[in-house]
Protein backbone atom coordinates (compact mmCIF):
# COMPACT_ATOMS: atom_id res chain seq x y z
CA MET A 1 78.28 5.86 -60.61
CA LYS A 2 76.03 5.60 -63.67
CA THR A 3 72.37 5.26 -62.69
CA GLU A 4 70.64 5.65 -66.05
CA PHE A 5 68.96 2.61 -67.50
CA VAL A 6 68.09 1.73 -71.05
CA GLU A 7 64.57 2.74 -72.03
CA CYS A 8 62.93 -0.39 -73.37
CA ALA A 9 59.24 -0.86 -74.14
CA PHE A 10 59.33 -4.48 -72.93
CA ASP A 11 60.84 -3.52 -69.54
CA GLU A 12 58.23 -0.76 -69.22
CA PHE A 13 55.44 -3.21 -70.14
CA LEU A 14 56.62 -5.46 -67.29
CA LYS A 15 56.75 -2.40 -64.96
CA CYS A 16 60.30 -3.17 -63.82
CA LYS A 17 61.83 -1.00 -61.09
CA TYR A 18 65.62 -0.66 -60.85
CA GLU A 19 67.81 -0.17 -57.79
CA ARG A 20 71.53 0.22 -58.32
CA LYS A 21 73.42 -1.09 -55.29
CA SER A 22 76.93 -0.61 -56.71
CA GLU A 23 78.78 -0.60 -60.03
CA THR A 24 78.70 -4.41 -59.92
CA ASN A 25 75.25 -5.02 -58.40
CA LEU A 26 71.77 -4.15 -59.66
CA LYS A 27 68.38 -5.21 -58.30
CA VAL A 28 65.24 -5.24 -60.43
CA THR A 29 61.75 -5.69 -59.00
CA LEU A 30 58.93 -7.09 -61.12
CA PRO A 31 55.37 -6.60 -59.79
CA MET A 32 53.26 -9.67 -60.49
CA GLU A 33 50.34 -9.63 -62.91
CA PRO A 34 47.87 -12.47 -63.61
CA LEU A 35 49.12 -12.43 -67.22
CA TYR A 36 52.52 -13.77 -66.01
CA LEU A 37 51.09 -16.97 -64.51
CA ASN A 38 51.03 -20.32 -66.27
CA SER A 39 48.15 -22.80 -66.17
CA ILE A 40 49.12 -24.12 -62.70
CA GLY A 41 49.21 -20.66 -61.13
CA ILE A 42 52.95 -20.02 -60.88
CA VAL A 43 55.04 -17.51 -62.80
CA HIS A 44 55.84 -18.64 -66.33
CA GLY A 45 59.51 -19.57 -66.74
CA GLY A 46 59.89 -17.16 -69.65
CA ILE A 47 58.95 -14.24 -67.41
CA ILE A 48 61.57 -15.30 -64.85
CA CYS A 49 64.19 -15.70 -67.58
CA SER A 50 63.28 -12.27 -69.00
CA LEU A 51 63.57 -10.69 -65.56
CA ALA A 52 67.05 -12.15 -65.11
CA ASP A 53 68.09 -10.95 -68.59
CA ILE A 54 66.75 -7.46 -67.86
CA ALA A 55 68.70 -7.26 -64.58
CA MET A 56 71.95 -8.62 -66.03
CA GLY A 57 71.79 -6.49 -69.20
CA ASN A 58 70.95 -3.27 -67.35
CA LEU A 59 73.83 -3.76 -64.94
CA PHE A 60 75.95 -1.82 -67.47
CA GLY A 61 73.63 1.21 -67.66
CA ALA A 62 72.72 3.09 -70.81
CA GLY A 63 75.16 4.12 -73.52
CA GLU A 64 74.98 6.90 -76.07
CA ASN A 65 71.45 7.98 -77.05
CA ASN A 66 70.11 5.78 -74.22
CA LYS A 67 70.95 2.60 -76.15
CA GLN A 68 72.04 -0.63 -74.53
CA LYS A 69 75.77 -1.23 -74.14
CA VAL A 70 75.69 -5.04 -74.17
CA VAL A 71 73.91 -7.96 -75.82
CA THR A 72 73.31 -11.41 -74.40
CA VAL A 73 75.72 -14.01 -75.78
CA ASP A 74 74.68 -16.92 -73.56
CA MET A 75 72.32 -17.39 -70.65
CA LYS A 76 71.28 -20.28 -68.44
CA THR A 77 68.38 -20.22 -66.00
CA THR A 78 67.76 -22.85 -63.33
CA TYR A 79 64.34 -22.95 -61.68
CA LEU A 80 64.42 -23.90 -58.00
CA LYS A 81 60.88 -23.35 -56.78
CA GLY A 82 57.50 -22.34 -58.20
CA ALA A 83 57.26 -18.54 -58.06
CA LYS A 84 54.16 -16.92 -56.58
CA GLY A 85 53.36 -13.71 -54.74
CA ASN A 86 53.09 -9.99 -55.33
CA TYR A 87 56.54 -9.43 -56.85
CA LEU A 88 59.84 -11.01 -57.83
CA LEU A 89 63.27 -9.51 -57.22
CA ALA A 90 66.28 -10.15 -59.48
CA ASP A 91 69.68 -9.52 -57.88
CA ALA A 92 72.40 -9.32 -60.57
CA HIS A 93 76.13 -9.40 -59.76
CA LEU A 94 79.02 -8.80 -62.15
CA ILE A 95 81.42 -11.72 -61.66
CA LYS A 96 84.08 -10.92 -64.27
CA LYS A 97 84.40 -7.82 -66.41
CA GLY A 98 86.39 -8.15 -69.59
CA ARG A 99 87.31 -5.91 -72.51
CA ARG A 100 84.37 -7.32 -74.53
CA ILE A 101 82.90 -10.26 -72.59
CA ASN A 102 81.34 -10.05 -69.12
CA HIS A 103 80.11 -12.82 -66.81
CA ILE A 104 77.12 -12.15 -64.55
CA ASP A 105 75.18 -14.14 -61.95
CA CYS A 106 71.57 -13.34 -61.08
CA PHE A 107 69.43 -14.67 -58.25
CA ILE A 108 65.64 -14.34 -58.36
CA TYR A 109 63.70 -14.15 -55.08
CA ASN A 110 60.03 -14.07 -54.19
CA GLU A 111 58.53 -11.61 -51.71
CA ASN A 112 59.46 -13.94 -48.83
CA ASN A 113 63.15 -13.72 -49.81
CA GLU A 114 63.11 -17.35 -51.01
CA MET A 115 65.26 -18.03 -54.06
CA VAL A 116 63.03 -19.29 -56.87
CA ALA A 117 65.60 -19.29 -59.69
CA LYS A 118 69.18 -18.49 -60.52
CA ALA A 119 70.72 -17.50 -63.81
CA ASN A 120 74.11 -16.77 -65.24
CA GLY A 121 74.86 -14.96 -68.42
CA ILE A 122 77.60 -13.85 -70.73
CA TYR A 123 77.17 -10.35 -72.13
CA MET A 124 79.24 -8.71 -74.85
CA TYR A 125 79.84 -4.98 -75.30
CA ILE A 126 78.51 -3.69 -78.63
């Protein structure tokens, strides 16, 4: 099972932590920072969307020279509840693997295991 992840300055800036559960499941934890909050004190939607994209894209591990294997073709994020707390957890699941196109679902939880958002994406091998 491949456990290497793409080195990306943005992911490192966010301090993401990866936990591979299986070939088709990856969890990414994002520790919360005041910078990530919007004017009403909840996590900015762009941070949540980025977390989902990071989890879904890294599901495929790193390719040659530690470069990403896939790019995002399409992504939809639905926000279910204002996100607060010490961290968020993205739980990405490969739904359908194709020769070039892959479908992934991702569920984002707060520290109380409450789902705050869900996303689905289409990723293409490069």
